Every structure is written in structure tokens, then in C-alpha cells.
Amino acid sequence: DYISKLNKGQIAISMTEKGDPYENALAERVNGILKTELGLNSKFDNYQLALTAVNHAIRVYNTIRPHTSINYMTPEQAHRQQGPVPARWKSRKQRVRAYACPDQSEQGYSFQ
């Protein structure tokens, strides 16, 4: 099984607790972007090629790719900015409210 393979390969296991989908949301978001947008969803022929691709993707993520959540700046630009960074994200409560059905008792609604 999965955990046995990780243990056999001497790979450290990092998992979140069950029942809290928000616990690791930021890490999952970054991993998804690295895989889907920056080409890390591939099989590499060797460790050195994988390491080179990971380093390149992280450099692009931090220095070239604009991020909506920090007002379309790169993380590097946001880090160097003086004063607060204008945040464009919503809190967890705001997101939940934005997607809630206006009438929770309504039956037969669909999202299309």
C-alpha cells in the first residue's frame, strides 16, 4: 500500500489530521499550481532532472507569476514592498457565505 511504499523508500510522511479540509489548504493550493501550471505533473528520468524542474518552478512561482491574492504582485515583489500588502482574498467565513444557498430549505436547486 501507499504508506508501505513511502516507508520502504525512507520518505518522510506528512499528512494532515482527518476532518479539517482547511488545515492544509495553502500547501495543497501551492502544490496544485506547481503541478498544473508549472510542469511538475510529470515523471522525470532521474533525480537531477526533477530537482532542476522543481527549482525552476519555484523560481517562476516566486519571481514571475503574479498572484491574485496579493494584488497581482509576485511573492518577491510583495516581500520587498514597504507597508501592508493589499490582500484580495476572502476570509473562510466570507467564502462560505458567498457559496451558501440563500434559502437553505429550498429543495431541488442545481449549480449550472
PDB file of N, CA and C in Angstrom:
ATOM      1  N   ASP A   1       0.819  -1.178   0.000  1.00  0.00           N
ATOM      2  CA  ASP A   1       0.000   0.000   0.000  1.00  0.00           C
ATOM      3  C   ASP A   1       0.875   1.258   0.000  1.00  0.00           C
ATOM      4  N   TYR A   2       0.248   2.393  -0.066  1.00  0.00           N
ATOM      5  CA  TYR A   2       0.922   3.690  -0.214  1.00  0.00           C
ATOM      6  C   TYR A   2       1.919   3.968   0.910  1.00  0.00           C
ATOM      7  N   ILE A   3       1.491   3.806   2.146  1.00  0.00           N
ATOM      8  CA  ILE A   3       2.355   4.113   3.291  1.00  0.00           C
ATOM      9  C   ILE A   3       3.535   3.154   3.346  1.00  0.00           C
ATOM     10  N   SER A   4       3.326   1.898   3.013  1.00  0.00           N
ATOM     11  CA  SER A   4       4.426   0.926   2.988  1.00  0.00           C
ATOM     12  C   SER A   4       5.484   1.324   1.971  1.00  0.00           C
ATOM     13  N   LYS A   5       5.044   1.776   0.802  1.00  0.00           N
ATOM     14  CA  LYS A   5       5.993   2.222  -0.224  1.00  0.00           C
ATOM     15  C   LYS A   5       6.793   3.434   0.245  1.00  0.00           C
ATOM     16  N   LEU A   6       6.124   4.368   0.919  1.00  0.00           N
ATOM     17  CA  LEU A   6       6.839   5.525   1.449  1.00  0.00           C
ATOM     18  C   LEU A   6       7.877   5.096   2.480  1.00  0.00           C
ATOM     19  N   ASN A   7       7.475   4.227   3.396  1.00  0.00           N
ATOM     20  CA  ASN A   7       8.399   3.749   4.425  1.00  0.00           C
ATOM     21  C   ASN A   7       9.573   3.002   3.804  1.00  0.00           C
ATOM     22  N   LYS A   8       9.306   2.153   2.824  1.00  0.00           N
ATOM     23  CA  LYS A   8      10.361   1.386   2.152  1.00  0.00           C
ATOM     24  C   LYS A   8      11.348   2.319   1.463  1.00  0.00           C
ATOM     25  N   GLY A   9      10.854   3.390   0.883  1.00  0.00           N
ATOM     26  CA  GLY A   9      11.720   4.362   0.219  1.00  0.00           C
ATOM     27  C   GLY A   9      12.330   5.370   1.167  1.00  0.00           C
ATOM     28  N   GLN A  10      12.105   5.192   2.467  1.00  0.00           N
ATOM     29  CA  GLN A  10      12.604   6.097   3.505  1.00  0.00           C
ATOM     30  C   GLN A  10      12.172   7.540   3.243  1.00  0.00           C
ATOM     31  N   ILE A  11      10.895   7.687   2.857  1.00  0.00           N
ATOM     32  CA  ILE A  11      10.314   9.001   2.574  1.00  0.00           C
ATOM     33  C   ILE A  11       9.490   9.424   3.780  1.00  0.00           C
ATOM     34  N   ALA A  12       9.767  10.623   4.272  1.00  0.00           N
ATOM     35  CA  ALA A  12       9.023  11.133   5.423  1.00  0.00           C
ATOM     36  C   ALA A  12       7.572  11.369   5.025  1.00  0.00           C
ATOM     37  N   ILE A  13       6.658  10.975   5.886  1.00  0.00           N
ATOM     38  CA  ILE A  13       5.231  11.119   5.628  1.00  0.00           C
ATOM     39  C   ILE A  13       4.732  12.403   6.275  1.00  0.00           C
ATOM     40  N   SER A  14       4.022  13.195   5.491  1.00  0.00           N
ATOM     41  CA  SER A  14       3.449  14.430   6.007  1.00  0.00           C
ATOM     42  C   SER A  14       1.984  14.478   5.614  1.00  0.00           C
ATOM     43  N   MET A  15       1.109  14.236   6.564  1.00  0.00           N
ATOM     44  CA  MET A  15      -0.325  14.237   6.298  1.00  0.00           C
ATOM     45  C   MET A  15      -1.031  15.076   7.343  1.00  0.00           C
ATOM     46  N   THR A  16      -2.191  15.582   6.988  1.00  0.00           N
ATOM     47  CA  THR A  16      -2.973  16.380   7.922  1.00  0.00           C
ATOM     48  C   THR A  16      -3.917  15.481   8.700  1.00  0.00           C
ATOM     49  N   GLU A  17      -4.507  16.048   9.717  1.00  0.00           N
ATOM     50  CA  GLU A  17      -5.498  15.326  10.506  1.00  0.00           C
ATOM     51  C   GLU A  17      -6.776  15.167   9.696  1.00  0.00           C
ATOM     52  N   LYS A  18      -7.488  14.115   9.913  1.00  0.00           N
ATOM     53  CA  LYS A  18      -8.764  13.893   9.233  1.00  0.00           C
ATOM     54  C   LYS A  18      -9.804  14.878   9.742  1.00  0.00           C
ATOM     55  N   GLY A  19     -10.704  15.273   8.849  1.00  0.00           N
ATOM     56  CA  GLY A  19     -11.849  16.055   9.262  1.00  0.00           C
ATOM     57  C   GLY A  19     -11.705  17.561   9.137  1.00  0.00           C
ATOM     58  N   ASP A  20     -10.533  18.069   8.779  1.00  0.00           N
ATOM     59  CA  ASP A  20     -10.369  19.519   8.646  1.00  0.00           C
ATOM     60  C   ASP A  20      -9.787  19.848   7.275  1.00  0.00           C
ATOM     61  N   PRO A  21     -10.648  20.086   6.273  1.00  0.00           N
ATOM     62  CA  PRO A  21     -10.154  20.339   4.916  1.00  0.00           C
ATOM     63  C   PRO A  21      -9.378  21.644   4.792  1.00  0.00           C
ATOM     64  N   TYR A  22      -9.485  22.541   5.770  1.00  0.00           N
ATOM     65  CA  TYR A  22      -8.781  23.823   5.686  1.00  0.00           C
ATOM     66  C   TYR A  22      -7.372  23.750   6.283  1.00  0.00           C
ATOM     67  N   GLU A  23      -7.062  22.663   6.976  1.00  0.00           N
ATOM     68  CA  GLU A  23      -5.789  22.568   7.682  1.00  0.00           C
ATOM     69  C   GLU A  23      -4.587  22.715   6.756  1.00  0.00           C
ATOM     70  N   ASN A  24      -4.657  22.141   5.587  1.00  0.00           N
ATOM     71  CA  ASN A  24      -3.515  22.142   4.684  1.00  0.00           C
ATOM     72  C   ASN A  24      -3.855  22.800   3.343  1.00  0.00           C
ATOM     73  N   ALA A  25      -4.827  23.673   3.334  1.00  0.00           N
ATOM     74  CA  ALA A  25      -5.315  24.254   2.084  1.00  0.00           C
ATOM     75  C   ALA A  25      -4.248  25.043   1.341  1.00  0.00           C
ATOM     76  N   LEU A  26      -3.461  25.826   2.036  1.00  0.00           N
ATOM     77  CA  LEU A  26      -2.432  26.632   1.380  1.00  0.00           C
ATOM     78  C   LEU A  26      -1.393  25.752   0.696  1.00  0.00           C
ATOM     79  N   ALA A  27      -0.912  24.735   1.393  1.00  0.00           N
ATOM     80  CA  ALA A  27       0.075  23.832   0.802  1.00  0.00           C
ATOM     81  C   ALA A  27      -0.505  23.107  -0.409  1.00  0.00           C
ATOM     82  N   GLU A  28      -1.756  22.672  -0.313  1.00  0.00           N
ATOM     83  CA  GLU A  28      -2.391  21.989  -1.439  1.00  0.00           C
ATOM     84  C   GLU A  28      -2.543  22.928  -2.636  1.00  0.00           C
ATOM     85  N   ARG A  29      -2.868  24.177  -2.384  1.00  0.00           N
ATOM     86  CA  ARG A  29      -3.005  25.167  -3.454  1.00  0.00           C
ATOM     87  C   ARG A  29      -1.675  25.373  -4.170  1.00  0.00           C
ATOM     88  N   VAL A  30      -0.605  25.556  -3.390  1.00  0.00           N
ATOM     89  CA  VAL A  30       0.723  25.752  -3.986  1.00  0.00           C
ATOM     90  C   VAL A  30       1.138  24.509  -4.766  1.00  0.00           C
ATOM     91  N   ASN A  31       0.953  23.325  -4.191  1.00  0.00           N
ATOM     92  CA  ASN A  31       1.305  22.097  -4.898  1.00  0.00           C
ATOM     93  C   ASN A  31       0.532  21.959  -6.201  1.00  0.00           C
ATOM     94  N   GLY A  32      -0.747  22.304  -6.187  1.00  0.00           N
ATOM     95  CA  GLY A  32      -1.554  22.238  -7.406  1.00  0.00           C
ATOM     96  C   GLY A  32      -1.046  23.171  -8.481  1.00  0.00           C
ATOM     97  N   ILE A  33      -0.672  24.381  -8.109  1.00  0.00           N
ATOM     98  CA  ILE A  33      -0.138  25.337  -9.077  1.00  0.00           C
ATOM     99  C   ILE A  33       1.186  24.843  -9.638  1.00  0.00           C
ATOM    100  N   LEU A  34       2.062  24.339  -8.763  1.00  0.00           N
ATOM    101  CA  LEU A  34       3.355  23.826  -9.231  1.00  0.00           C
ATOM    102  C   LEU A  34       3.166  22.676 -10.221  1.00  0.00           C
ATOM    103  N   LYS A  35       2.178  21.829  -9.971  1.00  0.00           N
ATOM    104  CA  LYS A  35       1.948  20.695 -10.860  1.00  0.00           C
ATOM    105  C   LYS A  35       1.264  21.100 -12.158  1.00  0.00           C
ATOM    106  N   THR A  36       0.162  21.839 -12.062  1.00  0.00           N
ATOM    107  CA  THR A  36      -0.647  22.103 -13.259  1.00  0.00           C
ATOM    108  C   THR A  36      -0.137  23.262 -14.103  1.00  0.00           C
ATOM    109  N   GLU A  37       0.340  24.313 -13.469  1.00  0.00           N
ATOM    110  CA  GLU A  37       0.773  25.487 -14.232  1.00  0.00           C
ATOM    111  C   GLU A  37       2.256  25.478 -14.560  1.00  0.00           C
ATOM    112  N   LEU A  38       3.047  24.846 -13.715  1.00  0.00           N
ATOM    113  CA  LEU A  38       4.491  24.977 -13.862  1.00  0.00           C
ATOM    114  C   LEU A  38       5.193  23.658 -14.191  1.00  0.00           C
ATOM    115  N   GLY A  39       4.455  22.692 -14.689  1.00  0.00           N
ATOM    116  CA  GLY A  39       5.043  21.495 -15.285  1.00  0.00           C
ATOM    117  C   GLY A  39       5.591  20.430 -14.363  1.00  0.00           C
ATOM    118  N   LEU A  40       5.184  20.401 -13.122  1.00  0.00           N
ATOM    119  CA  LEU A  40       5.713  19.383 -12.225  1.00  0.00           C
ATOM    120  C   LEU A  40       4.815  18.166 -12.120  1.00  0.00           C
ATOM    121  N   ASN A  41       3.851  18.044 -13.011  1.00  0.00           N
ATOM    122  CA  ASN A  41       2.968  16.881 -13.013  1.00  0.00           C
ATOM    123  C   ASN A  41       3.473  15.856 -14.025  1.00  0.00           C
ATOM    124  N   SER A  42       4.784  15.642 -14.005  1.00  0.00           N
ATOM    125  CA  SER A  42       5.435  14.773 -14.979  1.00  0.00           C
ATOM    126  C   SER A  42       6.293  13.735 -14.273  1.00  0.00           C
ATOM    127  N   LYS A  43       6.651  12.719 -14.993  1.00  0.00           N
ATOM    128  CA  LYS A  43       7.612  11.744 -14.494  1.00  0.00           C
ATOM    129  C   LYS A  43       8.978  12.166 -15.030  1.00  0.00           C
ATOM    130  N   PHE A  44       9.953  12.220 -14.170  1.00  0.00           N
ATOM    131  CA  PHE A  44      11.296  12.635 -14.564  1.00  0.00           C
ATOM    132  C   PHE A  44      12.202  11.419 -14.664  1.00  0.00           C
ATOM    133  N   ASP A  45      13.144  11.472 -15.598  1.00  0.00           N
ATOM    134  CA  ASP A  45      14.036  10.336 -15.827  1.00  0.00           C
ATOM    135  C   ASP A  45      15.026  10.108 -14.694  1.00  0.00           C
ATOM    136  N   ASN A  46      15.359  11.169 -13.961  1.00  0.00           N
ATOM    137  CA  ASN A  46      16.290  10.995 -12.850  1.00  0.00           C
ATOM    138  C   ASN A  46      16.097  12.120 -11.839  1.00  0.00           C
ATOM    139  N   TYR A  47      16.756  11.962 -10.714  1.00  0.00           N
ATOM    140  CA  TYR A  47      16.625  12.916  -9.606  1.00  0.00           C
ATOM    141  C   TYR A  47      17.094  14.305 -10.013  1.00  0.00           C
ATOM    142  N   GLN A  48      18.203  14.400 -10.722  1.00  0.00           N
ATOM    143  CA  GLN A  48      18.750  15.709 -11.080  1.00  0.00           C
ATOM    144  C   GLN A  48      17.791  16.493 -11.985  1.00  0.00           C
ATOM    145  N   LEU A  49      17.150  15.826 -12.934  1.00  0.00           N
ATOM    146  CA  LEU A  49      16.169  16.499 -13.788  1.00  0.00           C
ATOM    147  C   LEU A  49      14.966  16.976 -12.970  1.00  0.00           C
ATOM    148  N   ALA A  50      14.534  16.153 -12.038  1.00  0.00           N
ATOM    149  CA  ALA A  50      13.409  16.546 -11.177  1.00  0.00           C
ATOM    150  C   ALA A  50      13.795  17.740 -10.314  1.00  0.00           C
ATOM    151  N   LEU A  51      14.977  17.711  -9.730  1.00  0.00           N
ATOM    152  CA  LEU A  51      15.440  18.811  -8.880  1.00  0.00           C
ATOM    153  C   LEU A  51      15.549  20.111  -9.669  1.00  0.00           C
ATOM    154  N   THR A  52      16.074  20.033 -10.879  1.00  0.00           N
ATOM    155  CA  THR A  52      16.181  21.216 -11.733  1.00  0.00           C
ATOM    156  C   THR A  52      14.803  21.779 -12.052  1.00  0.00           C
ATOM    157  N   ALA A  53      13.847  20.903 -12.378  1.00  0.00           N
ATOM    158  CA  ALA A  53      12.485  21.341 -12.701  1.00  0.00           C
ATOM    159  C   ALA A  53      11.807  21.965 -11.483  1.00  0.00           C
ATOM    160  N   VAL A  54      11.987  21.382 -10.310  1.00  0.00           N
ATOM    161  CA  VAL A  54      11.390  21.916  -9.080  1.00  0.00           C
ATOM    162  C   VAL A  54      11.971  23.288  -8.775  1.00  0.00           C
ATOM    163  N   ASN A  55      13.280  23.421  -8.846  1.00  0.00           N
ATOM    164  CA  ASN A  55      13.912  24.722  -8.578  1.00  0.00           C
ATOM    165  C   ASN A  55      13.438  25.790  -9.561  1.00  0.00           C
ATOM    166  N   HIS A  56      13.306  25.431 -10.841  1.00  0.00           N
ATOM    167  CA  HIS A  56      12.816  26.380 -11.847  1.00  0.00           C
ATOM    168  C   HIS A  56      11.370  26.784 -11.547  1.00  0.00           C
ATOM    169  N   ALA A  57      10.522  25.808 -11.221  1.00  0.00           N
ATOM    170  CA  ALA A  57       9.113  26.099 -10.946  1.00  0.00           C
ATOM    171  C   ALA A  57       8.974  27.014  -9.725  1.00  0.00           C
ATOM    172  N   ILE A  58       9.751  26.769  -8.699  1.00  0.00           N
ATOM    173  CA  ILE A  58       9.691  27.608  -7.502  1.00  0.00           C
ATOM    174  C   ILE A  58      10.166  29.023  -7.811  1.00  0.00           C
ATOM    175  N   ARG A  59      11.208  29.141  -8.617  1.00  0.00           N
ATOM    176  CA  ARG A  59      11.702  30.466  -9.007  1.00  0.00           C
ATOM    177  C   ARG A  59      10.632  31.225  -9.802  1.00  0.00           C
ATOM    178  N   VAL A  60       9.977  30.566 -10.749  1.00  0.00           N
ATOM    179  CA  VAL A  60       8.903  31.191 -11.524  1.00  0.00           C
ATOM    180  C   VAL A  60       7.748  31.580 -10.607  1.00  0.00           C
ATOM    181  N   TYR A  61       7.351  30.675  -9.708  1.00  0.00           N
ATOM    182  CA  TYR A  61       6.244  30.932  -8.781  1.00  0.00           C
ATOM    183  C   TYR A  61       6.515  32.170  -7.932  1.00  0.00           C
ATOM    184  N   ASN A  62       7.736  32.323  -7.470  1.00  0.00           N
ATOM    185  CA  ASN A  62       8.071  33.414  -6.555  1.00  0.00           C
ATOM    186  C   ASN A  62       8.479  34.715  -7.229  1.00  0.00           C
ATOM    187  N   THR A  63       8.967  34.663  -8.466  1.00  0.00           N
ATOM    188  CA  THR A  63       9.526  35.873  -9.071  1.00  0.00           C
ATOM    189  C   THR A  63       8.868  36.330 -10.367  1.00  0.00           C
ATOM    190  N   ILE A  64       8.085  35.460 -11.001  1.00  0.00           N
ATOM    191  CA  ILE A  64       7.495  35.818 -12.305  1.00  0.00           C
ATOM    192  C   ILE A  64       5.971  35.767 -12.289  1.00  0.00           C
ATOM    193  N   ARG A  65       5.400  34.720 -11.683  1.00  0.00           N
ATOM    194  CA  ARG A  65       3.950  34.508 -11.725  1.00  0.00           C
ATOM    195  C   ARG A  65       3.223  35.479 -10.799  1.00  0.00           C
ATOM    196  N   PRO A  66       2.340  36.342 -11.351  1.00  0.00           N
ATOM    197  CA  PRO A  66       1.557  37.229 -10.484  1.00  0.00           C
ATOM    198  C   PRO A  66       0.511  36.428  -9.702  1.00  0.00           C
ATOM    199  N   HIS A  67       0.237  36.876  -8.480  1.00  0.00           N
ATOM    200  CA  HIS A  67      -0.703  36.195  -7.603  1.00  0.00           C
ATOM    201  C   HIS A  67      -1.887  37.115  -7.322  1.00  0.00           C
ATOM    202  N   THR A  68      -3.068  36.637  -7.624  1.00  0.00           N
ATOM    203  CA  THR A  68      -4.281  37.413  -7.398  1.00  0.00           C
ATOM    204  C   THR A  68      -4.411  37.830  -5.938  1.00  0.00           C
ATOM    205  N   SER A  69      -4.087  36.935  -5.020  1.00  0.00           N
ATOM    206  CA  SER A  69      -4.300  37.191  -3.593  1.00  0.00           C
ATOM    207  C   SER A  69      -3.438  38.324  -3.047  1.00  0.00           C
ATOM    208  N   ILE A  70      -2.375  38.691  -3.736  1.00  0.00           N
ATOM    209  CA  ILE A  70      -1.523  39.794  -3.282  1.00  0.00           C
ATOM    210  C   ILE A  70      -1.493  40.905  -4.337  1.00  0.00           C
ATOM    211  N   ASN A  71      -2.681  41.182  -4.853  1.00  0.00           N
ATOM    212  CA  ASN A  71      -2.894  42.308  -5.760  1.00  0.00           C
ATOM    213  C   ASN A  71      -2.050  42.214  -7.026  1.00  0.00           C
ATOM    214  N   TYR A  72      -1.949  41.015  -7.574  1.00  0.00           N
ATOM    215  CA  TYR A  72      -1.259  40.747  -8.834  1.00  0.00           C
ATOM    216  C   TYR A  72       0.238  41.051  -8.786  1.00  0.00           C
ATOM    217  N   MET A  73       0.819  40.970  -7.607  1.00  0.00           N
ATOM    218  CA  MET A  73       2.269  41.064  -7.482  1.00  0.00           C
ATOM    219  C   MET A  73       2.827  39.650  -7.401  1.00  0.00           C
ATOM    220  N   THR A  74       4.141  39.523  -7.566  1.00  0.00           N
ATOM    221  CA  THR A  74       4.793  38.251  -7.284  1.00  0.00           C
ATOM    222  C   THR A  74       5.094  38.220  -5.786  1.00  0.00           C
ATOM    223  N   PRO A  75       5.300  37.035  -5.208  1.00  0.00           N
ATOM    224  CA  PRO A  75       5.681  36.996  -3.796  1.00  0.00           C
ATOM    225  C   PRO A  75       6.949  37.809  -3.511  1.00  0.00           C
ATOM    226  N   GLU A  76       7.887  37.794  -4.431  1.00  0.00           N
ATOM    227  CA  GLU A  76       9.107  38.582  -4.238  1.00  0.00           C
ATOM    228  C   GLU A  76       8.793  40.078  -4.163  1.00  0.00           C
ATOM    229  N   GLN A  77       7.935  40.562  -5.047  1.00  0.00           N
ATOM    230  CA  GLN A  77       7.543  41.978  -5.016  1.00  0.00           C
ATOM    231  C   GLN A  77       6.808  42.312  -3.722  1.00  0.00           C
ATOM    232  N   ALA A  78       5.916  41.427  -3.298  1.00  0.00           N
ATOM    233  CA  ALA A  78       5.160  41.665  -2.067  1.00  0.00           C
ATOM    234  C   ALA A  78       6.099  41.701  -0.862  1.00  0.00           C
ATOM    235  N   HIS A  79       7.088  40.842  -0.862  1.00  0.00           N
ATOM    236  CA  HIS A  79       8.044  40.795   0.241  1.00  0.00           C
ATOM    237  C   HIS A  79       8.864  42.088   0.333  1.00  0.00           C
ATOM    238  N   ARG A  80       9.187  42.650  -0.812  1.00  0.00           N
ATOM    239  CA  ARG A  80      10.019  43.863  -0.840  1.00  0.00           C
ATOM    240  C   ARG A  80       9.215  45.150  -0.640  1.00  0.00           C
ATOM    241  N   GLN A  81       7.904  45.059  -0.715  1.00  0.00           N
ATOM    242  CA  GLN A  81       7.063  46.254  -0.608  1.00  0.00           C
ATOM    243  C   GLN A  81       7.100  46.814   0.810  1.00  0.00           C
ATOM    244  N   GLN A  82       7.127  48.119   0.902  1.00  0.00           N
ATOM    245  CA  GLN A  82       7.046  48.801   2.196  1.00  0.00           C
ATOM    246  C   GLN A  82       5.576  48.929   2.589  1.00  0.00           C
ATOM    247  N   GLY A  83       5.261  48.667   3.828  1.00  0.00           N
ATOM    248  CA  GLY A  83       3.884  48.782   4.296  1.00  0.00           C
ATOM    249  C   GLY A  83       3.087  47.530   4.008  1.00  0.00           C
ATOM    250  N   PRO A  84       1.808  47.573   4.334  1.00  0.00           N
ATOM    251  CA  PRO A  84       0.963  46.384   4.152  1.00  0.00           C
ATOM    252  C   PRO A  84       0.710  46.077   2.679  1.00  0.00           C
ATOM    253  N   VAL A  85       0.577  44.816   2.381  1.00  0.00           N
ATOM    254  CA  VAL A  85       0.247  44.354   1.028  1.00  0.00           C
ATOM    255  C   VAL A  85      -1.265  44.306   0.925  1.00  0.00           C
ATOM    256  N   PRO A  86      -1.845  44.946  -0.108  1.00  0.00           N
ATOM    257  CA  PRO A  86      -3.311  44.882  -0.263  1.00  0.00           C
ATOM    258  C   PRO A  86      -3.749  43.439  -0.522  1.00  0.00           C
ATOM    259  N   ALA A  87      -4.527  42.876   0.367  1.00  0.00           N
ATOM    260  CA  ALA A  87      -4.991  41.497   0.245  1.00  0.00           C
ATOM    261  C   ALA A  87      -6.272  41.451  -0.570  1.00  0.00           C
ATOM    262  N   ARG A  88      -6.348  40.479  -1.470  1.00  0.00           N
ATOM    263  CA  ARG A  88      -7.537  40.335  -2.303  1.00  0.00           C
ATOM    264  C   ARG A  88      -8.301  39.054  -1.977  1.00  0.00           C
ATOM    265  N   TRP A  89      -7.906  38.324  -0.970  1.00  0.00           N
ATOM    266  CA  TRP A  89      -8.598  37.087  -0.641  1.00  0.00           C
ATOM    267  C   TRP A  89      -9.684  37.342   0.385  1.00  0.00           C
ATOM    268  N   LYS A  90     -10.595  36.381   0.448  1.00  0.00           N
ATOM    269  CA  LYS A  90     -11.693  36.458   1.409  1.00  0.00           C
ATOM    270  C   LYS A  90     -11.371  35.537   2.579  1.00  0.00           C
ATOM    271  N   SER A  91     -11.869  35.899   3.737  1.00  0.00           N
ATOM    272  CA  SER A  91     -11.707  35.013   4.893  1.00  0.00           C
ATOM    273  C   SER A  91     -12.545  33.756   4.669  1.00  0.00           C
ATOM    274  N   ARG A  92     -12.280  32.746   5.452  1.00  0.00           N
ATOM    275  CA  ARG A  92     -13.030  31.492   5.333  1.00  0.00           C
ATOM    276  C   ARG A  92     -14.522  31.724   5.503  1.00  0.00           C
ATOM    277  N   LYS A  93     -14.928  32.568   6.465  1.00  0.00           N
ATOM    278  CA  LYS A  93     -16.354  32.849   6.685  1.00  0.00           C
ATOM    279  C   LYS A  93     -16.970  33.541   5.478  1.00  0.00           C
ATOM    280  N   GLN A  94     -16.236  34.474   4.863  1.00  0.00           N
ATOM    281  CA  GLN A  94     -16.771  35.168   3.694  1.00  0.00           C
ATOM    282  C   GLN A  94     -16.960  34.202   2.532  1.00  0.00           C
ATOM    283  N   ARG A  95     -16.001  33.262   2.335  1.00  0.00           N
ATOM    284  CA  ARG A  95     -16.121  32.293   1.247  1.00  0.00           C
ATOM    285  C   ARG A  95     -17.324  31.386   1.462  1.00  0.00           C
ATOM    286  N   VAL A  96     -17.502  30.910   2.671  1.00  0.00           N
ATOM    287  CA  VAL A  96     -18.623  30.021   2.970  1.00  0.00           C
ATOM    288  C   VAL A  96     -19.936  30.739   2.723  1.00  0.00           C
ATOM    289  N   ARG A  97     -20.038  31.979   3.179  1.00  0.00           N
ATOM    290  CA  ARG A  97     -21.256  32.761   2.974  1.00  0.00           C
ATOM    291  C   ARG A  97     -21.513  33.001   1.482  1.00  0.00           C
ATOM    292  N   ALA A  98     -20.461  33.250   0.709  1.00  0.00           N
ATOM    293  CA  ALA A  98     -20.622  33.552  -0.709  1.00  0.00           C
ATOM    294  C   ALA A  98     -21.194  32.368  -1.484  1.00  0.00           C
ATOM    295  N   TYR A  99     -20.909  31.138  -1.024  1.00  0.00           N
ATOM    296  CA  TYR A  99     -21.365  29.959  -1.743  1.00  0.00           C
ATOM    297  C   TYR A  99     -22.599  29.316  -1.130  1.00  0.00           C
ATOM    298  N   ALA A 100     -23.076  29.827  -0.036  1.00  0.00           N
ATOM    299  CA  ALA A 100     -24.249  29.247   0.622  1.00  0.00           C
ATOM    300  C   ALA A 100     -25.504  29.544  -0.186  1.00  0.00           C
ATOM    301  N   CYS A 101     -26.398  28.602  -0.178  1.00  0.00           N
ATOM    302  CA  CYS A 101     -27.685  28.786  -0.833  1.00  0.00           C
ATOM    303  C   CYS A 101     -28.488  29.811  -0.039  1.00  0.00           C
ATOM    304  N   PRO A 102     -29.085  30.816  -0.684  1.00  0.00           N
ATOM    305  CA  PRO A 102     -29.828  31.839   0.043  1.00  0.00           C
ATOM    306  C   PRO A 102     -30.939  31.278   0.917  1.00  0.00           C
ATOM    307  N   ASP A 103     -31.618  30.255   0.439  1.00  0.00           N
ATOM    308  CA  ASP A 103     -32.681  29.635   1.217  1.00  0.00           C
ATOM    309  C   ASP A 103     -32.286  28.181   1.441  1.00  0.00           C
ATOM    310  N   GLN A 104     -31.721  27.889   2.599  1.00  0.00           N
ATOM    311  CA  GLN A 104     -31.193  26.563   2.895  1.00  0.00           C
ATOM    312  C   GLN A 104     -32.277  25.487   2.846  1.00  0.00           C
ATOM    313  N   SER A 105     -33.536  25.878   3.000  1.00  0.00           N
ATOM    314  CA  SER A 105     -34.593  24.871   2.991  1.00  0.00           C
ATOM    315  C   SER A 105     -35.047  24.544   1.579  1.00  0.00           C
ATOM    316  N   GLU A 106     -34.608  25.317   0.600  1.00  0.00           N
ATOM    317  CA  GLU A 106     -35.022  25.103  -0.796  1.00  0.00           C
ATOM    318  C   GLU A 106     -34.514  23.746  -1.290  1.00  0.00           C
ATOM    319  N   GLN A 107     -35.377  22.980  -1.915  1.00  0.00           N
ATOM    320  CA  GLN A 107     -35.015  21.674  -2.428  1.00  0.00           C
ATOM    321  C   GLN A 107     -34.950  21.730  -3.955  1.00  0.00           C
ATOM    322  N   GLY A 108     -34.135  20.866  -4.526  1.00  0.00           N
ATOM    323  CA  GLY A 108     -34.103  20.727  -5.974  1.00  0.00           C
ATOM    324  C   GLY A 108     -33.297  21.788  -6.689  1.00  0.00           C
ATOM    325  N   TYR A 109     -32.466  22.549  -5.999  1.00  0.00           N
ATOM    326  CA  TYR A 109     -31.648  23.544  -6.694  1.00  0.00           C
ATOM    327  C   TYR A 109     -30.476  22.850  -7.367  1.00  0.00           C
ATOM    328  N   SER A 110     -29.924  23.498  -8.376  1.00  0.00           N
ATOM    329  CA  SER A 110     -28.751  22.938  -9.059  1.00  0.00           C
ATOM    330  C   SER A 110     -27.784  24.066  -9.386  1.00  0.00           C
ATOM    331  N   PHE A 111     -26.529  23.703  -9.480  1.00  0.00           N
ATOM    332  CA  PHE A 111     -25.480  24.668  -9.836  1.00  0.00           C
ATOM    333  C   PHE A 111     -25.079  24.393 -11.279  1.00  0.00           C
ATOM    334  N   GLN A 112     -25.431  25.314 -12.166  1.00  0.00           N
ATOM    335  CA  GLN A 112     -25.100  25.131 -13.577  1.00  0.00           C
ATOM    336  C   GLN A 112     -24.390  26.328 -14.113  1.00  0.00           C
TER     337      GLN A 112
END
